[in-house]
């Protein structure tokens, strides 16, 4: 809930989504990390940062492979 609130408050950046994905990954919650990478990619695209969005999508796919 904290990450959701902070992400909603800070609409001009992807930092909260990246922090959330790192925190969940460090805690072993891969599915939550994957979700937040997707949230970060969507935010980056909305901000016109397509290169960052693409990098986050690639990272999301790599992390998602850990779930398999």
PDB file of N, CA and C in Angstrom:
ATOM      1  N   UNK A   1       0.824  -1.197   0.000  1.00  0.00           N
ATOM      2  CA  UNK A   1       0.000   0.000   0.000  1.00  0.00           C
ATOM      3  C   UNK A   1       0.864   1.255   0.000  1.00  0.00           C
ATOM      4  N   UNK A   2       1.990   1.205   0.706  1.00  0.00           N
ATOM      5  CA  UNK A   2       2.870   2.368   0.754  1.00  0.00           C
ATOM      6  C   UNK A   2       3.405   2.707  -0.633  1.00  0.00           C
ATOM      7  N   UNK A   3       3.885   1.709  -1.352  1.00  0.00           N
ATOM      8  CA  UNK A   3       4.410   1.962  -2.692  1.00  0.00           C
ATOM      9  C   UNK A   3       3.314   2.483  -3.616  1.00  0.00           C
ATOM     10  N   UNK A   4       2.124   1.937  -3.508  1.00  0.00           N
ATOM     11  CA  UNK A   4       1.002   2.402  -4.337  1.00  0.00           C
ATOM     12  C   UNK A   4       0.748   3.887  -4.097  1.00  0.00           C
ATOM     13  N   UNK A   5       0.675   4.266  -2.829  1.00  0.00           N
ATOM     14  CA  UNK A   5       0.409   5.667  -2.477  1.00  0.00           C
ATOM     15  C   UNK A   5       1.504   6.583  -2.990  1.00  0.00           C
ATOM     16  N   UNK A   6       2.731   6.202  -2.744  1.00  0.00           N
ATOM     17  CA  UNK A   6       3.855   7.035  -3.183  1.00  0.00           C
ATOM     18  C   UNK A   6       3.911   7.140  -4.697  1.00  0.00           C
ATOM     19  N   UNK A   7       3.621   6.038  -5.387  1.00  0.00           N
ATOM     20  CA  UNK A   7       3.621   6.051  -6.851  1.00  0.00           C
ATOM     21  C   UNK A   7       2.537   6.991  -7.373  1.00  0.00           C
ATOM     22  N   UNK A   8       1.375   6.971  -6.758  1.00  0.00           N
ATOM     23  CA  UNK A   8       0.283   7.862  -7.159  1.00  0.00           C
ATOM     24  C   UNK A   8       0.617   9.327  -6.894  1.00  0.00           C
ATOM     25  N   UNK A   9       1.344   9.590  -5.827  1.00  0.00           N
ATOM     26  CA  UNK A   9       1.710  10.964  -5.475  1.00  0.00           C
ATOM     27  C   UNK A   9       2.783  11.526  -6.398  1.00  0.00           C
ATOM     28  N   UNK A  10       3.735  10.709  -6.797  1.00  0.00           N
ATOM     29  CA  UNK A  10       4.882  11.166  -7.591  1.00  0.00           C
ATOM     30  C   UNK A  10       4.693  10.750  -9.046  1.00  0.00           C
ATOM     31  N   UNK A  11       3.879  11.490  -9.762  1.00  0.00           N
ATOM     32  CA  UNK A  11       3.512  11.121 -11.129  1.00  0.00           C
ATOM     33  C   UNK A  11       4.560  11.465 -12.186  1.00  0.00           C
ATOM     34  N   UNK A  12       5.592  12.186 -11.810  1.00  0.00           N
ATOM     35  CA  UNK A  12       6.576  12.613 -12.789  1.00  0.00           C
ATOM     36  C   UNK A  12       7.847  11.791 -12.822  1.00  0.00           C
ATOM     37  N   UNK A  13       7.817  10.615 -12.229  1.00  0.00           N
ATOM     38  CA  UNK A  13       9.042   9.829 -12.135  1.00  0.00           C
ATOM     39  C   UNK A  13       8.708   8.339 -12.042  1.00  0.00           C
ATOM     40  N   UNK A  14       9.721   7.517 -12.260  1.00  0.00           N
ATOM     41  CA  UNK A  14       9.551   6.063 -12.136  1.00  0.00           C
ATOM     42  C   UNK A  14      10.277   5.517 -10.911  1.00  0.00           C
ATOM     43  N   UNK A  15      10.852   6.408 -10.105  1.00  0.00           N
ATOM     44  CA  UNK A  15      11.692   5.983  -8.981  1.00  0.00           C
ATOM     45  C   UNK A  15      10.958   5.094  -7.990  1.00  0.00           C
ATOM     46  N   UNK A  16       9.711   5.403  -7.689  1.00  0.00           N
ATOM     47  CA  UNK A  16       8.976   4.604  -6.711  1.00  0.00           C
ATOM     48  C   UNK A  16       8.777   3.185  -7.236  1.00  0.00           C
ATOM     49  N   UNK A  17       8.425   3.059  -8.506  1.00  0.00           N
ATOM     50  CA  UNK A  17       8.219   1.730  -9.091  1.00  0.00           C
ATOM     51  C   UNK A  17       9.518   0.927  -9.083  1.00  0.00           C
ATOM     52  N   UNK A  18      10.623   1.587  -9.381  1.00  0.00           N
ATOM     53  CA  UNK A  18      11.913   0.892  -9.371  1.00  0.00           C
ATOM     54  C   UNK A  18      12.298   0.470  -7.958  1.00  0.00           C
ATOM     55  N   UNK A  19      12.072   1.348  -6.995  1.00  0.00           N
ATOM     56  CA  UNK A  19      12.350   0.996  -5.597  1.00  0.00           C
ATOM     57  C   UNK A  19      11.494  -0.177  -5.148  1.00  0.00           C
ATOM     58  N   UNK A  20      10.233  -0.148  -5.533  1.00  0.00           N
ATOM     59  CA  UNK A  20       9.323  -1.234  -5.156  1.00  0.00           C
ATOM     60  C   UNK A  20       9.781  -2.550  -5.767  1.00  0.00           C
ATOM     61  N   UNK A  21      10.146  -2.530  -7.044  1.00  0.00           N
ATOM     62  CA  UNK A  21      10.562  -3.780  -7.685  1.00  0.00           C
ATOM     63  C   UNK A  21      11.815  -4.339  -7.026  1.00  0.00           C
ATOM     64  N   UNK A  22      12.768  -3.464  -6.692  1.00  0.00           N
ATOM     65  CA  UNK A  22      13.988  -3.920  -6.020  1.00  0.00           C
ATOM     66  C   UNK A  22      13.686  -4.488  -4.638  1.00  0.00           C
ATOM     67  N   UNK A  23      12.827  -3.803  -3.905  1.00  0.00           N
ATOM     68  CA  UNK A  23      12.494  -4.255  -2.548  1.00  0.00           C
ATOM     69  C   UNK A  23      11.809  -5.616  -2.574  1.00  0.00           C
ATOM     70  N   UNK A  24      10.857  -5.784  -3.484  1.00  0.00           N
ATOM     71  CA  UNK A  24      10.159  -7.064  -3.558  1.00  0.00           C
ATOM     72  C   UNK A  24      11.089  -8.174  -4.031  1.00  0.00           C
ATOM     73  N   UNK A  25      11.965  -7.864  -4.976  1.00  0.00           N
ATOM     74  CA  UNK A  25      12.907  -8.873  -5.451  1.00  0.00           C
ATOM     75  C   UNK A  25      13.856  -9.289  -4.321  1.00  0.00           C
ATOM     76  N   UNK A  26      14.344  -8.320  -3.568  1.00  0.00           N
ATOM     77  CA  UNK A  26      15.240  -8.624  -2.451  1.00  0.00           C
ATOM     78  C   UNK A  26      14.546  -9.476  -1.391  1.00  0.00           C
ATOM     79  N   UNK A  27      13.240  -9.286  -1.257  1.00  0.00           N
ATOM     80  CA  UNK A  27      12.466 -10.052  -0.274  1.00  0.00           C
ATOM     81  C   UNK A  27      12.035 -11.408  -0.815  1.00  0.00           C
ATOM     82  N   UNK A  28      12.373 -11.679  -2.082  1.00  0.00           N
ATOM     83  CA  UNK A  28      12.022 -12.964  -2.679  1.00  0.00           C
ATOM     84  C   UNK A  28      10.634 -13.024  -3.276  1.00  0.00           C
ATOM     85  N   UNK A  29       9.973 -11.893  -3.375  1.00  0.00           N
ATOM     86  CA  UNK A  29       8.625 -11.849  -3.947  1.00  0.00           C
ATOM     87  C   UNK A  29       8.728 -11.476  -5.427  1.00  0.00           C
ATOM     88  N   UNK A  30       9.071 -12.471  -6.228  1.00  0.00           N
ATOM     89  CA  UNK A  30       9.346 -12.246  -7.642  1.00  0.00           C
ATOM     90  C   UNK A  30       8.113 -11.737  -8.381  1.00  0.00           C
ATOM     91  N   UNK A  31       6.941 -12.275  -8.084  1.00  0.00           N
ATOM     92  CA  UNK A  31       5.736 -11.841  -8.800  1.00  0.00           C
ATOM     93  C   UNK A  31       5.439 -10.366  -8.548  1.00  0.00           C
ATOM     94  N   UNK A  32       5.648  -9.892  -7.324  1.00  0.00           N
ATOM     95  CA  UNK A  32       5.442  -8.472  -7.040  1.00  0.00           C
ATOM     96  C   UNK A  32       6.505  -7.623  -7.746  1.00  0.00           C
ATOM     97  N   UNK A  33       7.729  -8.121  -7.796  1.00  0.00           N
ATOM     98  CA  UNK A  33       8.792  -7.400  -8.494  1.00  0.00           C
ATOM     99  C   UNK A  33       8.456  -7.264  -9.973  1.00  0.00           C
ATOM    100  N   UNK A  34       7.955  -8.340 -10.575  1.00  0.00           N
ATOM    101  CA  UNK A  34       7.562  -8.310 -11.990  1.00  0.00           C
ATOM    102  C   UNK A  34       6.465  -7.277 -12.204  1.00  0.00           C
ATOM    103  N   UNK A  35       5.484  -7.271 -11.315  1.00  0.00           N
ATOM    104  CA  UNK A  35       4.381  -6.312 -11.434  1.00  0.00           C
ATOM    105  C   UNK A  35       4.903  -4.878 -11.399  1.00  0.00           C
ATOM    106  N   UNK A  36       5.778  -4.571 -10.463  1.00  0.00           N
ATOM    107  CA  UNK A  36       6.284  -3.209 -10.338  1.00  0.00           C
ATOM    108  C   UNK A  36       7.200  -2.812 -11.490  1.00  0.00           C
ATOM    109  N   UNK A  37       7.907  -3.758 -12.073  1.00  0.00           N
ATOM    110  CA  UNK A  37       8.671  -3.438 -13.282  1.00  0.00           C
ATOM    111  C   UNK A  37       7.725  -3.030 -14.407  1.00  0.00           C
ATOM    112  N   UNK A  38       6.586  -3.708 -14.502  1.00  0.00           N
ATOM    113  CA  UNK A  38       5.584  -3.335 -15.494  1.00  0.00           C
ATOM    114  C   UNK A  38       4.994  -1.965 -15.228  1.00  0.00           C
ATOM    115  N   UNK A  39       4.741  -1.677 -13.966  1.00  0.00           N
ATOM    116  CA  UNK A  39       4.229  -0.352 -13.583  1.00  0.00           C
ATOM    117  C   UNK A  39       5.254   0.720 -13.961  1.00  0.00           C
ATOM    118  N   UNK A  40       6.512   0.445 -13.689  1.00  0.00           N
ATOM    119  CA  UNK A  40       7.573   1.388 -14.047  1.00  0.00           C
ATOM    120  C   UNK A  40       7.687   1.590 -15.543  1.00  0.00           C
ATOM    121  N   UNK A  41       7.567   0.512 -16.307  1.00  0.00           N
ATOM    122  CA  UNK A  41       7.629   0.617 -17.767  1.00  0.00           C
ATOM    123  C   UNK A  41       6.474   1.457 -18.297  1.00  0.00           C
ATOM    124  N   UNK A  42       5.292   1.249 -17.751  1.00  0.00           N
ATOM    125  CA  UNK A  42       4.127   2.028 -18.188  1.00  0.00           C
ATOM    126  C   UNK A  42       4.309   3.506 -17.855  1.00  0.00           C
ATOM    127  N   UNK A  43       4.825   3.791 -16.668  1.00  0.00           N
ATOM    128  CA  UNK A  43       5.043   5.190 -16.277  1.00  0.00           C
ATOM    129  C   UNK A  43       6.097   5.830 -17.170  1.00  0.00           C
ATOM    130  N   UNK A  44       7.194   5.106 -17.427  1.00  0.00           N
ATOM    131  CA  UNK A  44       8.252   5.638 -18.283  1.00  0.00           C
ATOM    132  C   UNK A  44       7.709   5.954 -19.673  1.00  0.00           C
ATOM    133  N   UNK A  45       6.899   5.061 -20.220  1.00  0.00           N
ATOM    134  CA  UNK A  45       6.308   5.296 -21.542  1.00  0.00           C
ATOM    135  C   UNK A  45       5.396   6.516 -21.507  1.00  0.00           C
ATOM    136  N   UNK A  46       4.607   6.652 -20.454  1.00  0.00           N
ATOM    137  CA  UNK A  46       3.695   7.795 -20.329  1.00  0.00           C
ATOM    138  C   UNK A  46       4.461   9.111 -20.233  1.00  0.00           C
ATOM    139  N   UNK A  47       5.676   9.047 -19.707  1.00  0.00           N
ATOM    140  CA  UNK A  47       6.507  10.244 -19.579  1.00  0.00           C
ATOM    141  C   UNK A  47       7.358  10.491 -20.823  1.00  0.00           C
ATOM    142  N   UNK A  48       7.192   9.660 -21.850  1.00  0.00           N
ATOM    143  CA  UNK A  48       7.954   9.827 -23.077  1.00  0.00           C
ATOM    144  C   UNK A  48       9.370   9.283 -22.996  1.00  0.00           C
ATOM    145  N   UNK A  49       9.629   8.437 -22.038  1.00  0.00           N
ATOM    146  CA  UNK A  49      10.965   7.854 -21.858  1.00  0.00           C
ATOM    147  C   UNK A  49      10.946   6.418 -22.370  1.00  0.00           C
ATOM    148  N   UNK A  50      10.786   6.292 -23.671  1.00  0.00           N
ATOM    149  CA  UNK A  50      10.579   4.975 -24.281  1.00  0.00           C
ATOM    150  C   UNK A  50      11.780   4.050 -24.133  1.00  0.00           C
ATOM    151  N   UNK A  51      12.985   4.603 -24.176  1.00  0.00           N
ATOM    152  CA  UNK A  51      14.171   3.746 -24.011  1.00  0.00           C
ATOM    153  C   UNK A  51      14.173   3.099 -22.622  1.00  0.00           C
ATOM    154  N   UNK A  52      13.873   3.879 -21.603  1.00  0.00           N
ATOM    155  CA  UNK A  52      13.783   3.337 -20.246  1.00  0.00           C
ATOM    156  C   UNK A  52      12.643   2.332 -20.155  1.00  0.00           C
ATOM    157  N   UNK A  53      11.516   2.652 -20.758  1.00  0.00           N
ATOM    158  CA  UNK A  53      10.369   1.736 -20.740  1.00  0.00           C
ATOM    159  C   UNK A  53      10.750   0.392 -21.348  1.00  0.00           C
ATOM    160  N   UNK A  54      11.476   0.419 -22.451  1.00  0.00           N
ATOM    161  CA  UNK A  54      11.884  -0.826 -23.101  1.00  0.00           C
ATOM    162  C   UNK A  54      12.850  -1.618 -22.227  1.00  0.00           C
ATOM    163  N   UNK A  55      13.796  -0.928 -21.591  1.00  0.00           N
ATOM    164  CA  UNK A  55      14.733  -1.622 -20.692  1.00  0.00           C
ATOM    165  C   UNK A  55      13.995  -2.279 -19.534  1.00  0.00           C
ATOM    166  N   UNK A  56      12.995  -1.587 -19.005  1.00  0.00           N
ATOM    167  CA  UNK A  56      12.228  -2.157 -17.893  1.00  0.00           C
ATOM    168  C   UNK A  56      11.400  -3.353 -18.349  1.00  0.00           C
ATOM    169  N   UNK A  57      10.868  -3.295 -19.560  1.00  0.00           N
ATOM    170  CA  UNK A  57      10.115  -4.447 -20.089  1.00  0.00           C
ATOM    171  C   UNK A  57      11.025  -5.665 -20.248  1.00  0.00           C
ATOM    172  N   UNK A  58      12.238  -5.433 -20.739  1.00  0.00           N
ATOM    173  CA  UNK A  58      13.199  -6.536 -20.886  1.00  0.00           C
ATOM    174  C   UNK A  58      13.562  -7.124 -19.522  1.00  0.00           C
ATOM    175  N   UNK A  59      13.796  -6.255 -18.554  1.00  0.00           N
ATOM    176  CA  UNK A  59      14.094  -6.721 -17.197  1.00  0.00           C
ATOM    177  C   UNK A  59      12.910  -7.499 -16.636  1.00  0.00           C
ATOM    178  N   UNK A  60      11.706  -7.016 -16.906  1.00  0.00           N
ATOM    179  CA  UNK A  60      10.492  -7.693 -16.445  1.00  0.00           C
ATOM    180  C   UNK A  60      10.433  -9.111 -17.003  1.00  0.00           C
ATOM    181  N   UNK A  61      10.752  -9.273 -18.268  1.00  0.00           N
ATOM    182  CA  UNK A  61      10.740 -10.609 -18.876  1.00  0.00           C
ATOM    183  C   UNK A  61      11.791 -11.513 -18.241  1.00  0.00           C
ATOM    184  N   UNK A  62      12.981 -10.962 -17.997  1.00  0.00           N
ATOM    185  CA  UNK A  62      14.043 -11.767 -17.382  1.00  0.00           C
ATOM    186  C   UNK A  62      13.659 -12.218 -15.975  1.00  0.00           C
ATOM    187  N   UNK A  63      13.092 -11.306 -15.215  1.00  0.00           N
ATOM    188  CA  UNK A  63      12.688 -11.656 -13.848  1.00  0.00           C
ATOM    189  C   UNK A  63      11.517 -12.631 -13.884  1.00  0.00           C
ATOM    190  N   UNK A  64      10.607 -12.427 -14.824  1.00  0.00           N
ATOM    191  CA  UNK A  64       9.453 -13.327 -14.956  1.00  0.00           C
ATOM    192  C   UNK A  64       9.909 -14.764 -15.217  1.00  0.00           C
ATOM    193  N   UNK A  65      11.017 -14.924 -15.936  1.00  0.00           N
ATOM    194  CA  UNK A  65      11.545 -16.264 -16.219  1.00  0.00           C
ATOM    195  C   UNK A  65      11.903 -17.007 -14.933  1.00  0.00           C
ATOM    196  N   UNK A  66      12.213 -16.274 -13.873  1.00  0.00           N
ATOM    197  CA  UNK A  66      12.525 -16.907 -12.585  1.00  0.00           C
ATOM    198  C   UNK A  66      11.303 -17.603 -11.998  1.00  0.00           C
ATOM    199  N   UNK A  67      10.117 -17.157 -12.400  1.00  0.00           N
ATOM    200  CA  UNK A  67       8.888 -17.766 -11.889  1.00  0.00           C
ATOM    201  C   UNK A  67       8.632 -19.128 -12.517  1.00  0.00           C
ATOM    202  N   UNK A  68       9.243 -19.358 -13.672  1.00  0.00           N
ATOM    203  CA  UNK A  68       8.994 -20.612 -14.397  1.00  0.00           C
ATOM    204  C   UNK A  68       9.727 -21.785 -13.789  1.00  0.00           C
TER     205      UNK A  68
END
